Amino acid sequence: MAEAFYPVISAPVLVHLSPVLEMTDEQFFEFCHLNRDLRIERTSEGDLLIMPPTGARTGLRNFKLTAQLGDWLKTDQSGVAFDSSTGFILPNSAKRSPDLSWVSRSRLASLTDEQKEKFLPLCPDFVIELRSASDPLNDLQAKMEEYVQNGLRLGLLLDPQDRTAYVYKSDGAPEVLRNPEQLSCDPVLPGFRIDLREIWDADF
């Protein structure tokens, strides 16, 4: 018997579904659970974006970012942070999963228990997207602009390959910072400063 062949996904893959197939939010949620080894997003047009697991160095950088945000959360309880496996339904109907996100408790208070068990029906207040070697930069920049258009207050796109940080706010064009050592997240996350040296130089 021939062995089954499973293709290795090394870069994001866009799968067009509409108008041949339409998924409800509930069906998309179940589809993601059936394929839990992959990170799957859905665009506002209904197309699927399938992303592979991260490489080890990117995983290490994600972990270091999560640890830094976790330390800040010990002293500030005004919001809740979520990892890259958390899905959000944006106002434009896109389903996105930022690498790291934060939402104020005042916005979460209105959600039902059922909503908390599924993809959250809102855009985060704060997100971080971390570029890996296989991520096209323009795709991530477009995703950041989409977050802003859907209510994001502060977003960071970090590109370790070029040691560059792109800072997105609710008003104005993104700010481009070359090789910054630290980055303040005031006033959205008051007092939170990211030590980017840990991110740029992450290795093992």
N, C-alpha and C. Protein backbone atom coordinates (compact mmCIF):
# COMPACT_ATOMS: atom_id res chain seq x y z
N MET A 1 0.85 -1.19 0.00
CA MET A 1 0.00 0.00 0.00
C MET A 1 0.89 1.24 0.00
N ALA A 2 0.58 2.18 -0.88
CA ALA A 2 1.39 3.40 -0.96
C ALA A 2 1.14 4.26 0.28
N GLU A 3 2.22 4.91 0.71
CA GLU A 3 2.09 5.80 1.86
C GLU A 3 1.33 7.06 1.47
N ALA A 4 0.52 7.56 2.41
CA ALA A 4 -0.20 8.81 2.17
C ALA A 4 0.79 9.97 2.10
N PHE A 5 0.52 10.92 1.21
CA PHE A 5 1.40 12.07 1.05
C PHE A 5 0.73 13.29 1.63
N TYR A 6 1.41 13.95 2.55
CA TYR A 6 0.89 15.17 3.14
C TYR A 6 1.84 16.31 2.78
N PRO A 7 1.39 17.30 2.02
CA PRO A 7 2.28 18.37 1.60
C PRO A 7 2.75 19.19 2.80
N VAL A 8 4.00 19.61 2.74
CA VAL A 8 4.55 20.46 3.79
C VAL A 8 4.33 21.92 3.40
N ILE A 9 3.64 22.66 4.25
CA ILE A 9 3.37 24.07 3.98
C ILE A 9 4.46 24.90 4.61
N SER A 10 5.21 25.62 3.77
CA SER A 10 6.31 26.44 4.28
C SER A 10 6.01 27.92 4.21
N ALA A 11 4.94 28.31 3.54
CA ALA A 11 4.54 29.71 3.41
C ALA A 11 3.02 29.77 3.45
N PRO A 12 2.45 30.93 3.81
CA PRO A 12 0.99 31.04 3.83
C PRO A 12 0.37 30.69 2.48
N VAL A 13 -0.76 30.00 2.52
CA VAL A 13 -1.47 29.59 1.31
C VAL A 13 -2.86 30.21 1.32
N LEU A 14 -3.24 30.86 0.22
CA LEU A 14 -4.57 31.46 0.10
C LEU A 14 -5.47 30.51 -0.68
N VAL A 15 -6.62 30.16 -0.10
CA VAL A 15 -7.57 29.25 -0.73
C VAL A 15 -8.86 30.01 -1.00
N HIS A 16 -9.23 30.12 -2.28
CA HIS A 16 -10.46 30.83 -2.66
C HIS A 16 -11.66 29.88 -2.53
N LEU A 17 -12.68 30.32 -1.83
CA LEU A 17 -13.88 29.51 -1.65
C LEU A 17 -15.12 30.12 -2.32
N SER A 18 -15.29 31.42 -2.15
CA SER A 18 -16.48 32.09 -2.66
C SER A 18 -16.36 32.28 -4.18
N PRO A 19 -17.46 32.09 -4.94
CA PRO A 19 -18.83 31.81 -4.50
C PRO A 19 -19.19 30.33 -4.50
N VAL A 20 -18.20 29.44 -4.69
CA VAL A 20 -18.50 28.01 -4.75
C VAL A 20 -18.96 27.49 -3.40
N LEU A 21 -18.29 27.96 -2.33
CA LEU A 21 -18.61 27.48 -0.99
C LEU A 21 -18.63 28.66 -0.03
N GLU A 22 -19.67 28.73 0.76
CA GLU A 22 -19.80 29.77 1.78
C GLU A 22 -19.84 29.11 3.16
N MET A 23 -19.06 29.65 4.10
CA MET A 23 -19.05 29.13 5.47
C MET A 23 -19.68 30.14 6.41
N THR A 24 -20.52 29.67 7.30
CA THR A 24 -20.98 30.52 8.39
C THR A 24 -19.86 30.64 9.42
N ASP A 25 -20.00 31.57 10.35
CA ASP A 25 -19.01 31.70 11.41
C ASP A 25 -18.89 30.41 12.21
N GLU A 26 -20.02 29.76 12.46
CA GLU A 26 -20.02 28.50 13.21
C GLU A 26 -19.29 27.41 12.43
N GLN A 27 -19.53 27.32 11.14
CA GLN A 27 -18.86 26.31 10.32
C GLN A 27 -17.35 26.57 10.25
N PHE A 28 -16.96 27.83 10.16
CA PHE A 28 -15.54 28.15 10.13
C PHE A 28 -14.87 27.78 11.45
N PHE A 29 -15.55 28.04 12.54
CA PHE A 29 -15.03 27.67 13.86
C PHE A 29 -14.81 26.16 13.93
N GLU A 30 -15.78 25.38 13.48
CA GLU A 30 -15.64 23.92 13.49
C GLU A 30 -14.55 23.45 12.52
N PHE A 31 -14.44 24.12 11.38
CA PHE A 31 -13.41 23.78 10.40
C PHE A 31 -12.02 23.96 11.01
N CYS A 32 -11.83 25.05 11.75
CA CYS A 32 -10.55 25.29 12.39
C CYS A 32 -10.24 24.23 13.45
N HIS A 33 -11.26 23.77 14.15
CA HIS A 33 -11.05 22.73 15.16
C HIS A 33 -10.72 21.39 14.52
N LEU A 34 -11.28 21.12 13.35
CA LEU A 34 -10.97 19.88 12.64
C LEU A 34 -9.54 19.89 12.11
N ASN A 35 -8.98 21.09 11.94
CA ASN A 35 -7.63 21.25 11.40
C ASN A 35 -6.77 22.04 12.39
N ARG A 36 -6.77 21.59 13.63
CA ARG A 36 -6.17 22.37 14.71
C ARG A 36 -4.65 22.46 14.63
N ASP A 37 -4.01 21.66 13.77
CA ASP A 37 -2.56 21.75 13.61
C ASP A 37 -2.14 22.94 12.75
N LEU A 38 -3.10 23.58 12.11
CA LEU A 38 -2.80 24.73 11.26
C LEU A 38 -3.44 25.99 11.83
N ARG A 39 -2.78 27.12 11.58
CA ARG A 39 -3.41 28.41 11.88
C ARG A 39 -4.16 28.84 10.64
N ILE A 40 -5.45 29.06 10.78
CA ILE A 40 -6.30 29.39 9.64
C ILE A 40 -7.02 30.70 9.91
N GLU A 41 -6.92 31.62 8.97
CA GLU A 41 -7.66 32.87 9.04
C GLU A 41 -8.60 32.93 7.85
N ARG A 42 -9.56 33.85 7.92
CA ARG A 42 -10.47 34.04 6.79
C ARG A 42 -10.57 35.52 6.48
N THR A 43 -10.42 35.87 5.21
CA THR A 43 -10.47 37.27 4.81
C THR A 43 -11.92 37.76 4.80
N SER A 44 -12.08 39.06 4.65
CA SER A 44 -13.43 39.63 4.60
C SER A 44 -14.18 39.17 3.35
N GLU A 45 -13.44 38.68 2.33
CA GLU A 45 -14.08 38.15 1.11
C GLU A 45 -14.46 36.68 1.24
N GLY A 46 -14.08 36.04 2.34
CA GLY A 46 -14.43 34.64 2.55
C GLY A 46 -13.35 33.66 2.16
N ASP A 47 -12.18 34.14 1.71
CA ASP A 47 -11.08 33.25 1.36
C ASP A 47 -10.36 32.78 2.62
N LEU A 48 -9.77 31.58 2.55
CA LEU A 48 -9.02 31.03 3.68
C LEU A 48 -7.54 31.32 3.50
N LEU A 49 -6.89 31.69 4.59
CA LEU A 49 -5.44 31.87 4.61
C LEU A 49 -4.89 30.84 5.59
N ILE A 50 -4.16 29.87 5.05
CA ILE A 50 -3.64 28.76 5.85
C ILE A 50 -2.15 28.97 6.10
N MET A 51 -1.78 29.01 7.36
CA MET A 51 -0.40 29.31 7.73
C MET A 51 0.23 28.12 8.43
N PRO A 52 1.48 27.82 8.11
CA PRO A 52 2.15 26.67 8.71
C PRO A 52 2.56 26.96 10.15
N PRO A 53 2.90 25.94 10.92
CA PRO A 53 3.51 26.19 12.24
C PRO A 53 4.79 27.00 12.06
N THR A 54 5.14 27.76 13.07
CA THR A 54 6.33 28.61 12.97
C THR A 54 7.60 27.78 13.11
N GLY A 55 8.69 28.36 12.61
CA GLY A 55 10.00 27.77 12.84
C GLY A 55 10.43 28.02 14.28
N ALA A 56 11.50 27.36 14.70
CA ALA A 56 11.92 27.41 16.10
C ALA A 56 12.31 28.82 16.54
N ARG A 57 13.07 29.54 15.69
CA ARG A 57 13.51 30.87 16.10
C ARG A 57 12.32 31.83 16.24
N THR A 58 11.36 31.74 15.32
CA THR A 58 10.16 32.57 15.44
C THR A 58 9.37 32.20 16.68
N GLY A 59 9.29 30.89 16.97
CA GLY A 59 8.60 30.46 18.19
C GLY A 59 9.26 31.00 19.44
N LEU A 60 10.57 31.05 19.44
CA LEU A 60 11.31 31.61 20.58
C LEU A 60 11.01 33.10 20.73
N ARG A 61 10.99 33.80 19.63
CA ARG A 61 10.69 35.24 19.69
C ARG A 61 9.27 35.48 20.19
N ASN A 62 8.33 34.68 19.71
CA ASN A 62 6.95 34.79 20.21
C ASN A 62 6.88 34.55 21.71
N PHE A 63 7.62 33.56 22.17
CA PHE A 63 7.62 33.24 23.59
C PHE A 63 8.19 34.41 24.41
N LYS A 64 9.26 35.02 23.92
CA LYS A 64 9.86 36.13 24.64
C LYS A 64 8.92 37.34 24.69
N LEU A 65 8.22 37.60 23.60
CA LEU A 65 7.24 38.69 23.60
C LEU A 65 6.12 38.40 24.59
N THR A 66 5.64 37.16 24.58
CA THR A 66 4.57 36.78 25.50
C THR A 66 5.02 36.92 26.95
N ALA A 67 6.27 36.53 27.23
CA ALA A 67 6.79 36.64 28.60
C ALA A 67 6.86 38.09 29.04
N GLN A 68 7.30 38.97 28.16
CA GLN A 68 7.39 40.39 28.52
C GLN A 68 6.01 40.98 28.79
N LEU A 69 5.03 40.65 27.95
CA LEU A 69 3.67 41.14 28.18
C LEU A 69 3.11 40.53 29.46
N GLY A 70 3.41 39.26 29.72
CA GLY A 70 2.93 38.62 30.94
C GLY A 70 3.46 39.28 32.19
N ASP A 71 4.73 39.71 32.17
CA ASP A 71 5.30 40.42 33.32
C ASP A 71 4.56 41.73 33.57
N TRP A 72 4.24 42.45 32.50
CA TRP A 72 3.50 43.71 32.66
C TRP A 72 2.09 43.48 33.20
N LEU A 73 1.46 42.40 32.75
CA LEU A 73 0.09 42.09 33.19
C LEU A 73 0.00 41.80 34.69
N LYS A 74 1.13 41.45 35.32
CA LYS A 74 1.12 41.19 36.75
C LYS A 74 0.82 42.45 37.54
N THR A 75 1.12 43.61 36.97
CA THR A 75 0.90 44.87 37.67
C THR A 75 -0.24 45.69 37.08
N ASP A 76 -0.75 45.30 35.92
CA ASP A 76 -1.85 46.02 35.29
C ASP A 76 -2.95 45.02 34.93
N GLN A 77 -4.12 45.20 35.52
CA GLN A 77 -5.22 44.26 35.33
C GLN A 77 -6.35 44.87 34.50
N SER A 78 -6.03 45.90 33.71
CA SER A 78 -7.07 46.59 32.95
C SER A 78 -7.51 45.85 31.70
N GLY A 79 -6.79 44.80 31.33
CA GLY A 79 -7.15 44.06 30.14
C GLY A 79 -6.70 42.62 30.19
N VAL A 80 -6.96 41.89 29.11
CA VAL A 80 -6.62 40.47 29.01
C VAL A 80 -5.82 40.26 27.74
N ALA A 81 -4.76 39.45 27.82
CA ALA A 81 -3.92 39.15 26.66
C ALA A 81 -4.25 37.77 26.11
N PHE A 82 -4.01 37.59 24.81
CA PHE A 82 -4.32 36.33 24.13
C PHE A 82 -3.15 35.93 23.23
N ASP A 83 -2.96 34.61 23.08
CA ASP A 83 -1.86 34.12 22.25
C ASP A 83 -2.31 33.96 20.80
N SER A 84 -1.41 33.40 19.97
CA SER A 84 -1.65 33.34 18.53
C SER A 84 -2.72 32.34 18.11
N SER A 85 -3.17 31.51 19.02
CA SER A 85 -4.21 30.54 18.68
C SER A 85 -5.62 31.10 18.86
N THR A 86 -5.72 32.36 19.30
CA THR A 86 -7.03 32.98 19.56
C THR A 86 -7.54 33.68 18.31
N GLY A 87 -8.78 33.40 17.95
CA GLY A 87 -9.39 34.00 16.78
C GLY A 87 -10.28 35.18 17.14
N PHE A 88 -10.31 36.17 16.26
CA PHE A 88 -11.17 37.34 16.42
C PHE A 88 -11.98 37.54 15.14
N ILE A 89 -13.27 37.85 15.31
CA ILE A 89 -14.13 38.19 14.18
C ILE A 89 -14.17 39.71 14.11
N LEU A 90 -13.52 40.29 13.13
CA LEU A 90 -13.46 41.74 12.99
C LEU A 90 -14.79 42.29 12.47
N PRO A 91 -15.04 43.58 12.68
CA PRO A 91 -16.29 44.17 12.17
C PRO A 91 -16.51 43.99 10.67
N ASN A 92 -15.43 43.85 9.88
CA ASN A 92 -15.59 43.66 8.43
C ASN A 92 -15.81 42.19 8.06
N SER A 93 -15.98 41.33 9.08
CA SER A 93 -16.27 39.89 8.97
C SER A 93 -15.02 39.03 8.78
N ALA A 94 -13.82 39.62 8.67
CA ALA A 94 -12.60 38.82 8.58
C ALA A 94 -12.35 38.12 9.92
N LYS A 95 -11.75 36.93 9.84
CA LYS A 95 -11.38 36.17 11.04
C LYS A 95 -9.87 36.15 11.13
N ARG A 96 -9.31 36.80 12.14
CA ARG A 96 -7.86 36.94 12.26
C ARG A 96 -7.36 36.40 13.59
N SER A 97 -6.09 36.00 13.58
CA SER A 97 -5.43 35.47 14.78
C SER A 97 -4.06 36.15 14.92
N PRO A 98 -3.99 37.28 15.59
CA PRO A 98 -2.69 37.96 15.76
C PRO A 98 -1.72 37.11 16.57
N ASP A 99 -0.43 37.36 16.39
CA ASP A 99 0.57 36.62 17.16
C ASP A 99 0.42 36.89 18.65
N LEU A 100 0.05 38.11 19.00
CA LEU A 100 -0.18 38.48 20.40
C LEU A 100 -1.19 39.61 20.40
N SER A 101 -2.13 39.58 21.34
CA SER A 101 -3.18 40.61 21.35
C SER A 101 -3.61 40.90 22.78
N TRP A 102 -4.27 42.05 22.93
CA TRP A 102 -4.74 42.51 24.23
C TRP A 102 -6.04 43.26 24.03
N VAL A 103 -7.01 43.02 24.95
CA VAL A 103 -8.31 43.67 24.89
C VAL A 103 -8.65 44.18 26.28
N SER A 104 -9.16 45.40 26.36
CA SER A 104 -9.53 45.97 27.66
C SER A 104 -10.69 45.20 28.27
N ARG A 105 -10.68 45.08 29.60
CA ARG A 105 -11.74 44.35 30.30
C ARG A 105 -13.10 45.02 30.11
N SER A 106 -13.11 46.33 29.94
CA SER A 106 -14.39 47.03 29.77
C SER A 106 -15.10 46.58 28.50
N ARG A 107 -14.35 46.22 27.47
CA ARG A 107 -14.96 45.73 26.22
C ARG A 107 -15.35 44.26 26.35
N LEU A 108 -14.58 43.49 27.09
CA LEU A 108 -14.87 42.08 27.25
C LEU A 108 -16.07 41.83 28.15
N ALA A 109 -16.40 42.80 28.99
CA ALA A 109 -17.46 42.62 29.98
C ALA A 109 -18.83 42.35 29.34
N SER A 110 -19.02 42.81 28.12
CA SER A 110 -20.33 42.65 27.47
C SER A 110 -20.49 41.31 26.76
N LEU A 111 -19.44 40.51 26.71
CA LEU A 111 -19.51 39.23 26.00
C LEU A 111 -20.20 38.16 26.83
N THR A 112 -20.91 37.27 26.17
CA THR A 112 -21.56 36.17 26.86
C THR A 112 -20.56 35.02 27.05
N ASP A 113 -20.90 34.07 27.91
CA ASP A 113 -20.04 32.90 28.11
C ASP A 113 -19.86 32.13 26.81
N GLU A 114 -20.91 32.04 26.00
CA GLU A 114 -20.82 31.33 24.73
C GLU A 114 -19.83 32.03 23.78
N GLN A 115 -19.88 33.36 23.75
CA GLN A 115 -18.96 34.10 22.89
C GLN A 115 -17.51 33.92 23.33
N LYS A 116 -17.29 33.81 24.64
CA LYS A 116 -15.93 33.64 25.15
C LYS A 116 -15.34 32.28 24.81
N GLU A 117 -16.19 31.31 24.49
CA GLU A 117 -15.72 29.98 24.14
C GLU A 117 -15.34 29.89 22.66
N LYS A 118 -15.71 30.90 21.87
CA LYS A 118 -15.46 30.85 20.43
C LYS A 118 -14.60 32.05 20.02
N PHE A 119 -14.54 32.34 18.74
CA PHE A 119 -13.78 33.49 18.29
C PHE A 119 -14.44 34.76 18.82
N LEU A 120 -13.64 35.67 19.35
CA LEU A 120 -14.21 36.87 19.96
C LEU A 120 -14.70 37.83 18.88
N PRO A 121 -15.94 38.33 19.00
CA PRO A 121 -16.53 39.18 17.96
C PRO A 121 -16.11 40.65 18.12
N LEU A 122 -14.82 40.91 17.96
CA LEU A 122 -14.32 42.28 18.09
C LEU A 122 -12.89 42.36 17.56
N CYS A 123 -12.42 43.58 17.37
CA CYS A 123 -11.02 43.79 17.02
C CYS A 123 -10.25 44.11 18.29
N PRO A 124 -9.10 43.50 18.51
CA PRO A 124 -8.33 43.81 19.72
C PRO A 124 -7.94 45.29 19.79
N ASP A 125 -7.67 45.75 21.01
CA ASP A 125 -7.15 47.10 21.19
C ASP A 125 -5.68 47.18 20.79
N PHE A 126 -4.96 46.08 20.99
CA PHE A 126 -3.52 46.05 20.77
C PHE A 126 -3.14 44.71 20.16
N VAL A 127 -2.30 44.74 19.12
CA VAL A 127 -1.81 43.49 18.53
C VAL A 127 -0.32 43.61 18.21
N ILE A 128 0.32 42.46 18.20
CA ILE A 128 1.69 42.34 17.68
C ILE A 128 1.68 41.26 16.62
N GLU A 129 2.23 41.58 15.46
CA GLU A 129 2.47 40.58 14.42
C GLU A 129 3.98 40.48 14.25
N LEU A 130 4.49 39.26 14.30
CA LEU A 130 5.92 39.02 14.19
C LEU A 130 6.21 38.33 12.86
N ARG A 131 7.00 38.98 12.04
CA ARG A 131 7.29 38.42 10.72
C ARG A 131 8.27 37.27 10.82
N SER A 132 7.93 36.15 10.18
CA SER A 132 8.86 35.03 10.07
C SER A 132 9.50 35.07 8.68
N ALA A 133 10.47 34.21 8.45
CA ALA A 133 11.21 34.24 7.19
C ALA A 133 10.32 33.99 5.98
N SER A 134 9.20 33.26 6.18
CA SER A 134 8.34 32.90 5.04
C SER A 134 7.19 33.89 4.83
N ASP A 135 7.06 34.90 5.68
CA ASP A 135 5.94 35.85 5.60
C ASP A 135 6.25 36.99 4.64
N PRO A 136 5.46 37.20 3.59
CA PRO A 136 5.63 38.40 2.76
C PRO A 136 5.31 39.65 3.57
N LEU A 137 6.21 40.63 3.57
CA LEU A 137 6.02 41.82 4.39
C LEU A 137 4.77 42.58 4.00
N ASN A 138 4.50 42.69 2.70
CA ASN A 138 3.33 43.47 2.28
C ASN A 138 2.02 42.85 2.75
N ASP A 139 1.97 41.51 2.87
CA ASP A 139 0.76 40.86 3.39
C ASP A 139 0.53 41.24 4.85
N LEU A 140 1.60 41.25 5.64
CA LEU A 140 1.47 41.62 7.05
C LEU A 140 1.11 43.09 7.19
N GLN A 141 1.67 43.94 6.35
CA GLN A 141 1.33 45.37 6.40
C GLN A 141 -0.14 45.59 6.07
N ALA A 142 -0.66 44.84 5.10
CA ALA A 142 -2.08 44.94 4.75
C ALA A 142 -2.95 44.47 5.91
N LYS A 143 -2.50 43.42 6.61
CA LYS A 143 -3.25 42.93 7.76
C LYS A 143 -3.28 43.98 8.87
N MET A 144 -2.16 44.66 9.10
CA MET A 144 -2.11 45.70 10.12
C MET A 144 -3.05 46.85 9.77
N GLU A 145 -3.08 47.23 8.50
CA GLU A 145 -3.99 48.29 8.07
C GLU A 145 -5.44 47.87 8.29
N GLU A 146 -5.72 46.59 8.07
CA GLU A 146 -7.08 46.08 8.29
C GLU A 146 -7.45 46.19 9.77
N TYR A 147 -6.53 45.85 10.66
CA TYR A 147 -6.79 46.00 12.09
C TYR A 147 -7.15 47.45 12.42
N VAL A 148 -6.35 48.39 11.89
CA VAL A 148 -6.59 49.81 12.16
C VAL A 148 -7.98 50.22 11.67
N GLN A 149 -8.33 49.79 10.48
CA GLN A 149 -9.63 50.15 9.92
C GLN A 149 -10.80 49.55 10.70
N ASN A 150 -10.52 48.53 11.50
CA ASN A 150 -11.58 47.86 12.27
C ASN A 150 -11.54 48.19 13.76
N GLY A 151 -10.76 49.22 14.14
CA GLY A 151 -10.82 49.69 15.51
C GLY A 151 -9.58 49.50 16.35
N LEU A 152 -8.50 49.00 15.80
CA LEU A 152 -7.26 48.83 16.56
C LEU A 152 -6.76 50.18 17.08
N ARG A 153 -6.30 50.18 18.33
CA ARG A 153 -5.74 51.40 18.91
C ARG A 153 -4.22 51.48 18.76
N LEU A 154 -3.54 50.33 18.85
CA LEU A 154 -2.10 50.30 18.71
C LEU A 154 -1.68 48.93 18.18
N GLY A 155 -0.85 48.94 17.15
CA GLY A 155 -0.37 47.70 16.58
C GLY A 155 1.11 47.77 16.26
N LEU A 156 1.81 46.66 16.48
CA LEU A 156 3.24 46.59 16.21
C LEU A 156 3.51 45.45 15.24
N LEU A 157 4.15 45.78 14.13
CA LEU A 157 4.63 44.77 13.19
C LEU A 157 6.14 44.73 13.33
N LEU A 158 6.65 43.60 13.81
CA LEU A 158 8.07 43.47 14.08
C LEU A 158 8.72 42.59 13.03
N ASP A 159 9.77 43.10 12.41
CA ASP A 159 10.47 42.39 11.34
C ASP A 159 11.91 42.14 11.78
N PRO A 160 12.19 40.99 12.41
CA PRO A 160 13.54 40.70 12.88
C PRO A 160 14.58 40.62 11.76
N GLN A 161 14.14 40.27 10.55
CA GLN A 161 15.08 40.15 9.44
C GLN A 161 15.77 41.48 9.14
N ASP A 162 15.01 42.56 9.25
CA ASP A 162 15.56 43.90 9.01
C ASP A 162 15.70 44.71 10.28
N ARG A 163 15.42 44.07 11.42
CA ARG A 163 15.45 44.75 12.72
C ARG A 163 14.66 46.07 12.65
N THR A 164 13.43 45.95 12.15
CA THR A 164 12.58 47.11 11.94
C THR A 164 11.23 46.91 12.63
N ALA A 165 10.74 47.96 13.26
CA ALA A 165 9.42 47.95 13.88
C ALA A 165 8.52 48.96 13.17
N TYR A 166 7.31 48.50 12.83
CA TYR A 166 6.31 49.37 12.23
C TYR A 166 5.22 49.59 13.27
N VAL A 167 4.97 50.86 13.61
CA VAL A 167 4.03 51.19 14.67
C VAL A 167 2.76 51.76 14.04
N TYR A 168 1.64 51.07 14.28
CA TYR A 168 0.35 51.48 13.72
C TYR A 168 -0.53 52.03 14.84
N LYS A 169 -1.14 53.19 14.58
CA LYS A 169 -2.06 53.79 15.54
C LYS A 169 -3.39 54.09 14.83
N SER A 170 -4.37 54.47 15.62
CA SER A 170 -5.70 54.69 15.06
C SER A 170 -5.78 55.88 14.12
N ASP A 171 -4.77 56.74 14.17
CA ASP A 171 -4.75 57.89 13.26
C ASP A 171 -3.34 58.07 12.70
N GLY A 172 -3.26 58.42 11.45
CA GLY A 172 -1.98 58.69 10.83
C GLY A 172 -1.32 57.47 10.20
N ALA A 173 -0.26 57.74 9.45
CA ALA A 173 0.49 56.68 8.77
C ALA A 173 1.36 55.94 9.77
N PRO A 174 1.70 54.68 9.48
CA PRO A 174 2.56 53.92 10.41
C PRO A 174 3.94 54.56 10.54
N GLU A 175 4.48 54.47 11.75
CA GLU A 175 5.82 54.96 12.02
C GLU A 175 6.81 53.81 11.83
N VAL A 176 7.90 54.07 11.12
CA VAL A 176 8.91 53.06 10.84
C VAL A 176 10.15 53.34 11.68
N LEU A 177 10.53 52.38 12.52
CA LEU A 177 11.68 52.53 13.41
C LEU A 177 12.73 51.50 13.05
N ARG A 178 13.95 51.96 12.75
CA ARG A 178 15.04 51.08 12.36
C ARG A 178 15.88 50.70 13.58
N ASN A 179 15.93 49.43 13.84
CA ASN A 179 16.76 48.86 14.91
C ASN A 179 16.54 49.51 16.28
N PRO A 180 15.30 49.70 16.70
CA PRO A 180 15.06 50.24 18.04
C PRO A 180 15.40 49.21 19.11
N GLU A 181 15.89 49.69 20.25
CA GLU A 181 16.21 48.78 21.36
C GLU A 181 15.01 48.55 22.26
N GLN A 182 14.17 49.56 22.40
CA GLN A 182 12.96 49.45 23.21
C GLN A 182 11.82 50.15 22.49
N LEU A 183 10.60 49.80 22.89
CA LEU A 183 9.42 50.39 22.27
C LEU A 183 8.34 50.56 23.32
N SER A 184 7.89 51.79 23.49
CA SER A 184 6.85 52.08 24.47
C SER A 184 5.47 51.82 23.88
N CYS A 185 4.58 51.24 24.69
CA CYS A 185 3.20 50.97 24.26
C CYS A 185 2.21 51.92 24.93
N ASP A 186 2.71 52.99 25.53
CA ASP A 186 1.84 54.04 26.08
C ASP A 186 1.08 54.71 24.94
N PRO A 187 -0.11 55.23 25.18
CA PRO A 187 -0.88 55.12 26.43
C PRO A 187 -1.85 53.93 26.45
N VAL A 188 -1.87 53.14 25.37
CA VAL A 188 -2.83 52.03 25.32
C VAL A 188 -2.53 51.00 26.39
N LEU A 189 -1.25 50.64 26.53
CA LEU A 189 -0.78 49.76 27.60
C LEU A 189 0.19 50.58 28.45
N PRO A 190 -0.31 51.35 29.40
CA PRO A 190 0.52 52.29 30.14
C PRO A 190 1.65 51.60 30.91
N GLY A 191 2.87 52.07 30.66
CA GLY A 191 4.02 51.55 31.37
C GLY A 191 4.66 50.33 30.73
N PHE A 192 4.06 49.78 29.68
CA PHE A 192 4.61 48.59 29.04
C PHE A 192 5.63 48.99 27.99
N ARG A 193 6.87 48.55 28.16
CA ARG A 193 7.95 48.80 27.21
C ARG A 193 8.53 47.45 26.77
N ILE A 194 8.61 47.26 25.47
CA ILE A 194 9.15 46.01 24.93
C ILE A 194 10.66 46.14 24.75
N ASP A 195 11.39 45.20 25.30
CA ASP A 195 12.84 45.15 25.08
C ASP A 195 13.07 44.39 23.78
N LEU A 196 13.29 45.13 22.71
CA LEU A 196 13.42 44.51 21.40
C LEU A 196 14.78 43.84 21.18
N ARG A 197 15.74 44.12 22.02
CA ARG A 197 17.02 43.44 21.90
C ARG A 197 16.84 41.94 22.10
N GLU A 198 15.92 41.57 22.99
CA GLU A 198 15.61 40.14 23.19
C GLU A 198 15.02 39.50 21.95
N ILE A 199 14.31 40.30 21.16
CA ILE A 199 13.62 39.78 19.98
C ILE A 199 14.58 39.72 18.79
N TRP A 200 15.29 40.80 18.55
CA TRP A 200 16.20 40.84 17.40
C TRP A 200 17.30 39.76 17.53
N ASP A 201 17.82 39.58 18.74
CA ASP A 201 18.97 38.71 18.93
C ASP A 201 18.61 37.32 19.43
N ALA A 202 17.33 36.97 19.39
CA ALA A 202 16.91 35.67 19.90
C ALA A 202 17.59 34.53 19.15
N ASP A 203 18.19 33.62 19.89
CA ASP A 203 18.86 32.47 19.27
C ASP A 203 19.08 31.41 20.34
N PHE A 204 19.52 30.25 19.92
CA PHE A 204 19.77 29.16 20.85
C PHE A 204 20.86 28.26 20.32
